[in-house]
Amino acid sequence: MLEEINNVIGLEVYTPDGMFLGQVDRVILDVPNKKVDGLFMEKASPVFVDEGVSINIPYSWVQSVGDIVILRHFPKRVSRDGRVDV
């Protein structure tokens, strides 16, 4: 499993509309439940996230992982203070 998680780090992440969001910097694990909790991005695209701040994408928003990560859901805009425009 460690090798598989390592393969996700560095993958490009795309919104459901095919827009580039950024790259996976870390995989957040829920150790007690032995599952992936989220994908952490140090610097997300300023098109979607104010000032390109760091975000944690809930793994439930991930549609598929392969050569890239495709999300099934992502808000139109995330503000620096955590507000989300759906």
N, C-alpha and C. Protein backbone atom coordinates (compact mmCIF):
# COMPACT_ATOMS: atom_id res chain seq x y z
N MET A 1 0.82 -1.20 0.00
CA MET A 1 0.00 0.00 0.00
C MET A 1 0.87 1.26 0.00
N LEU A 2 1.98 1.26 0.71
CA LEU A 2 2.86 2.42 0.77
C LEU A 2 3.34 2.80 -0.62
N GLU A 3 3.71 1.82 -1.41
CA GLU A 3 4.16 2.09 -2.77
C GLU A 3 3.05 2.73 -3.59
N GLU A 4 1.82 2.25 -3.44
CA GLU A 4 0.70 2.81 -4.18
C GLU A 4 0.43 4.25 -3.77
N ILE A 5 0.50 4.55 -2.48
CA ILE A 5 0.30 5.91 -2.00
C ILE A 5 1.39 6.82 -2.55
N ASN A 6 2.62 6.35 -2.55
CA ASN A 6 3.73 7.12 -3.10
C ASN A 6 3.50 7.48 -4.56
N ASN A 7 2.84 6.61 -5.31
CA ASN A 7 2.58 6.86 -6.73
C ASN A 7 1.59 8.00 -6.95
N VAL A 8 0.79 8.32 -5.95
CA VAL A 8 -0.20 9.40 -6.08
C VAL A 8 0.46 10.76 -5.90
N ILE A 9 1.49 10.82 -5.06
CA ILE A 9 2.19 12.08 -4.82
C ILE A 9 2.82 12.57 -6.12
N GLY A 10 2.53 13.82 -6.45
CA GLY A 10 3.05 14.41 -7.68
C GLY A 10 2.10 14.35 -8.86
N LEU A 11 1.01 13.58 -8.73
CA LEU A 11 0.04 13.51 -9.83
C LEU A 11 -0.69 14.83 -9.99
N GLU A 12 -1.00 15.18 -11.23
CA GLU A 12 -1.79 16.37 -11.51
C GLU A 12 -3.25 16.09 -11.19
N VAL A 13 -3.93 17.11 -10.67
CA VAL A 13 -5.34 17.00 -10.28
C VAL A 13 -6.16 17.90 -11.20
N TYR A 14 -7.27 17.35 -11.70
CA TYR A 14 -8.16 18.08 -12.61
C TYR A 14 -9.58 18.08 -12.07
N THR A 15 -10.28 19.20 -12.30
CA THR A 15 -11.67 19.34 -11.89
C THR A 15 -12.55 18.46 -12.80
N PRO A 16 -13.83 18.31 -12.45
CA PRO A 16 -14.72 17.53 -13.32
C PRO A 16 -14.83 18.11 -14.74
N ASP A 17 -14.56 19.41 -14.87
CA ASP A 17 -14.61 20.06 -16.20
C ASP A 17 -13.30 19.97 -16.95
N GLY A 18 -12.31 19.29 -16.37
CA GLY A 18 -11.02 19.11 -17.04
C GLY A 18 -10.05 20.25 -16.84
N MET A 19 -10.30 21.12 -15.88
CA MET A 19 -9.40 22.24 -15.60
C MET A 19 -8.33 21.80 -14.61
N PHE A 20 -7.09 22.21 -14.85
CA PHE A 20 -5.97 21.87 -13.98
C PHE A 20 -6.11 22.59 -12.64
N LEU A 21 -6.02 21.83 -11.55
CA LEU A 21 -6.16 22.38 -10.20
C LEU A 21 -4.82 22.47 -9.48
N GLY A 22 -3.92 21.53 -9.74
CA GLY A 22 -2.62 21.52 -9.08
C GLY A 22 -2.07 20.11 -9.02
N GLN A 23 -1.11 19.90 -8.12
CA GLN A 23 -0.49 18.58 -7.95
C GLN A 23 -0.64 18.10 -6.52
N VAL A 24 -0.75 16.79 -6.36
CA VAL A 24 -0.84 16.19 -5.03
C VAL A 24 0.53 16.29 -4.36
N ASP A 25 0.57 16.89 -3.18
CA ASP A 25 1.81 17.00 -2.42
C ASP A 25 1.88 15.95 -1.30
N ARG A 26 0.72 15.63 -0.74
CA ARG A 26 0.66 14.63 0.33
C ARG A 26 -0.66 13.88 0.25
N VAL A 27 -0.64 12.67 0.75
CA VAL A 27 -1.85 11.87 0.89
C VAL A 27 -2.17 11.84 2.39
N ILE A 28 -3.38 12.25 2.75
CA ILE A 28 -3.80 12.27 4.14
C ILE A 28 -4.48 10.94 4.45
N LEU A 29 -3.97 10.25 5.47
CA LEU A 29 -4.49 8.93 5.83
C LEU A 29 -5.32 8.99 7.10
N ASP A 30 -6.37 8.19 7.13
CA ASP A 30 -7.16 7.93 8.33
C ASP A 30 -6.64 6.59 8.85
N VAL A 31 -5.61 6.66 9.69
CA VAL A 31 -4.91 5.45 10.13
C VAL A 31 -5.81 4.48 10.90
N PRO A 32 -6.61 4.95 11.87
CA PRO A 32 -7.45 3.99 12.60
C PRO A 32 -8.40 3.19 11.70
N ASN A 33 -8.89 3.85 10.65
CA ASN A 33 -9.82 3.18 9.74
C ASN A 33 -9.15 2.60 8.50
N LYS A 34 -7.83 2.79 8.41
CA LYS A 34 -7.03 2.23 7.31
C LYS A 34 -7.56 2.63 5.94
N LYS A 35 -7.74 3.95 5.75
CA LYS A 35 -8.21 4.43 4.45
C LYS A 35 -7.63 5.81 4.16
N VAL A 36 -7.68 6.19 2.90
CA VAL A 36 -7.23 7.52 2.48
C VAL A 36 -8.34 8.51 2.84
N ASP A 37 -7.94 9.61 3.48
CA ASP A 37 -8.90 10.63 3.90
C ASP A 37 -8.95 11.80 2.92
N GLY A 38 -7.80 12.14 2.33
CA GLY A 38 -7.79 13.28 1.43
C GLY A 38 -6.48 13.42 0.69
N LEU A 39 -6.47 14.36 -0.25
CA LEU A 39 -5.29 14.70 -1.03
C LEU A 39 -4.95 16.15 -0.72
N PHE A 40 -3.73 16.39 -0.24
CA PHE A 40 -3.30 17.72 0.16
C PHE A 40 -2.50 18.35 -0.96
N MET A 41 -2.83 19.61 -1.25
CA MET A 41 -2.12 20.37 -2.27
C MET A 41 -1.55 21.63 -1.63
N GLU A 42 -0.24 21.79 -1.70
CA GLU A 42 0.44 22.96 -1.13
C GLU A 42 -0.02 24.24 -1.80
N LYS A 43 -0.15 24.20 -3.11
CA LYS A 43 -0.48 25.41 -3.85
C LYS A 43 -1.46 25.05 -4.97
N ALA A 44 -2.71 25.36 -4.74
CA ALA A 44 -3.74 25.09 -5.75
C ALA A 44 -3.81 26.26 -6.73
N SER A 45 -4.39 26.00 -7.88
CA SER A 45 -4.51 27.02 -8.91
C SER A 45 -5.29 28.24 -8.40
N PRO A 46 -4.74 29.44 -8.59
CA PRO A 46 -5.45 30.64 -8.16
C PRO A 46 -6.75 30.89 -8.94
N VAL A 47 -6.96 30.16 -10.02
CA VAL A 47 -8.21 30.25 -10.75
C VAL A 47 -9.37 29.77 -9.87
N PHE A 48 -9.10 28.78 -9.01
CA PHE A 48 -10.13 28.17 -8.18
C PHE A 48 -9.98 28.48 -6.69
N VAL A 49 -8.76 28.78 -6.26
CA VAL A 49 -8.49 28.96 -4.84
C VAL A 49 -7.77 30.29 -4.63
N ASP A 50 -8.35 31.17 -3.77
CA ASP A 50 -7.74 32.47 -3.51
C ASP A 50 -6.25 32.35 -3.20
N GLU A 51 -5.46 33.12 -3.90
CA GLU A 51 -4.02 33.21 -3.68
C GLU A 51 -3.32 31.86 -3.72
N GLY A 52 -3.95 30.86 -4.30
CA GLY A 52 -3.33 29.55 -4.42
C GLY A 52 -2.98 28.92 -3.09
N VAL A 53 -3.80 29.16 -2.05
CA VAL A 53 -3.51 28.62 -0.72
C VAL A 53 -3.60 27.10 -0.71
N SER A 54 -3.07 26.49 0.32
CA SER A 54 -3.09 25.04 0.48
C SER A 54 -4.51 24.55 0.73
N ILE A 55 -4.83 23.39 0.18
CA ILE A 55 -6.15 22.80 0.40
C ILE A 55 -6.02 21.29 0.59
N ASN A 56 -6.99 20.74 1.29
CA ASN A 56 -7.11 19.30 1.44
C ASN A 56 -8.40 18.88 0.74
N ILE A 57 -8.28 18.09 -0.29
CA ILE A 57 -9.45 17.63 -1.05
C ILE A 57 -9.93 16.33 -0.42
N PRO A 58 -11.18 16.29 0.04
CA PRO A 58 -11.71 15.04 0.60
C PRO A 58 -11.64 13.92 -0.45
N TYR A 59 -11.21 12.75 -0.02
CA TYR A 59 -11.06 11.66 -0.98
C TYR A 59 -12.40 11.25 -1.60
N SER A 60 -13.49 11.55 -0.92
CA SER A 60 -14.81 11.24 -1.48
C SER A 60 -15.09 12.06 -2.74
N TRP A 61 -14.34 13.14 -2.95
CA TRP A 61 -14.50 13.96 -4.16
C TRP A 61 -13.72 13.40 -5.35
N VAL A 62 -12.88 12.40 -5.13
CA VAL A 62 -12.05 11.83 -6.19
C VAL A 62 -12.86 10.83 -7.00
N GLN A 63 -12.86 11.04 -8.31
CA GLN A 63 -13.55 10.11 -9.21
C GLN A 63 -12.64 8.98 -9.63
N SER A 64 -11.40 9.34 -10.02
CA SER A 64 -10.48 8.30 -10.47
C SER A 64 -9.03 8.75 -10.28
N VAL A 65 -8.17 7.75 -10.12
CA VAL A 65 -6.73 7.97 -9.99
C VAL A 65 -6.04 7.04 -10.96
N GLY A 66 -5.19 7.59 -11.78
CA GLY A 66 -4.42 6.82 -12.75
C GLY A 66 -3.15 7.60 -13.04
N ASP A 67 -2.98 8.01 -14.28
CA ASP A 67 -1.87 8.88 -14.64
C ASP A 67 -2.09 10.29 -14.10
N ILE A 68 -3.36 10.63 -13.89
CA ILE A 68 -3.77 11.90 -13.29
C ILE A 68 -4.88 11.60 -12.28
N VAL A 69 -5.28 12.62 -11.53
CA VAL A 69 -6.42 12.50 -10.61
C VAL A 69 -7.56 13.33 -11.19
N ILE A 70 -8.73 12.73 -11.32
CA ILE A 70 -9.91 13.44 -11.79
C ILE A 70 -10.91 13.50 -10.64
N LEU A 71 -11.39 14.70 -10.37
CA LEU A 71 -12.35 14.88 -9.29
C LEU A 71 -13.78 14.74 -9.81
N ARG A 72 -14.64 14.22 -8.96
CA ARG A 72 -16.07 14.14 -9.31
C ARG A 72 -16.77 15.42 -8.88
N HIS A 73 -16.14 16.16 -7.95
CA HIS A 73 -16.73 17.39 -7.44
C HIS A 73 -15.61 18.35 -7.03
N PHE A 74 -15.80 19.61 -7.34
CA PHE A 74 -14.95 20.67 -6.79
C PHE A 74 -15.73 21.98 -6.89
N PRO A 75 -15.72 22.79 -5.83
CA PRO A 75 -16.47 24.05 -5.86
C PRO A 75 -15.96 25.01 -6.93
N LYS A 76 -16.80 25.96 -7.32
CA LYS A 76 -16.38 26.95 -8.31
C LYS A 76 -15.23 27.80 -7.78
N ARG A 77 -15.26 28.07 -6.47
CA ARG A 77 -14.24 28.94 -5.89
C ARG A 77 -14.10 28.64 -4.40
N VAL A 78 -12.86 28.65 -3.90
CA VAL A 78 -12.58 28.50 -2.48
C VAL A 78 -11.84 29.76 -2.04
N SER A 79 -12.40 30.45 -1.03
CA SER A 79 -11.77 31.69 -0.57
C SER A 79 -10.71 31.37 0.50
N ARG A 80 -9.86 32.34 0.73
CA ARG A 80 -8.78 32.18 1.70
C ARG A 80 -9.28 31.87 3.09
N ASP A 81 -10.45 32.39 3.44
CA ASP A 81 -11.00 32.16 4.78
C ASP A 81 -11.82 30.86 4.86
N GLY A 82 -11.80 30.06 3.79
CA GLY A 82 -12.47 28.77 3.83
C GLY A 82 -13.87 28.75 3.25
N ARG A 83 -14.38 29.91 2.85
CA ARG A 83 -15.71 29.94 2.22
C ARG A 83 -15.65 29.26 0.86
N VAL A 84 -16.75 28.60 0.53
CA VAL A 84 -16.81 27.85 -0.72
C VAL A 84 -17.99 28.34 -1.55
N ASP A 85 -17.75 28.64 -2.82
CA ASP A 85 -18.82 28.99 -3.77
C ASP A 85 -19.14 27.74 -4.57
N VAL A 86 -20.36 27.27 -4.42
CA VAL A 86 -20.75 26.02 -5.07
C VAL A 86 -21.21 26.27 -6.42
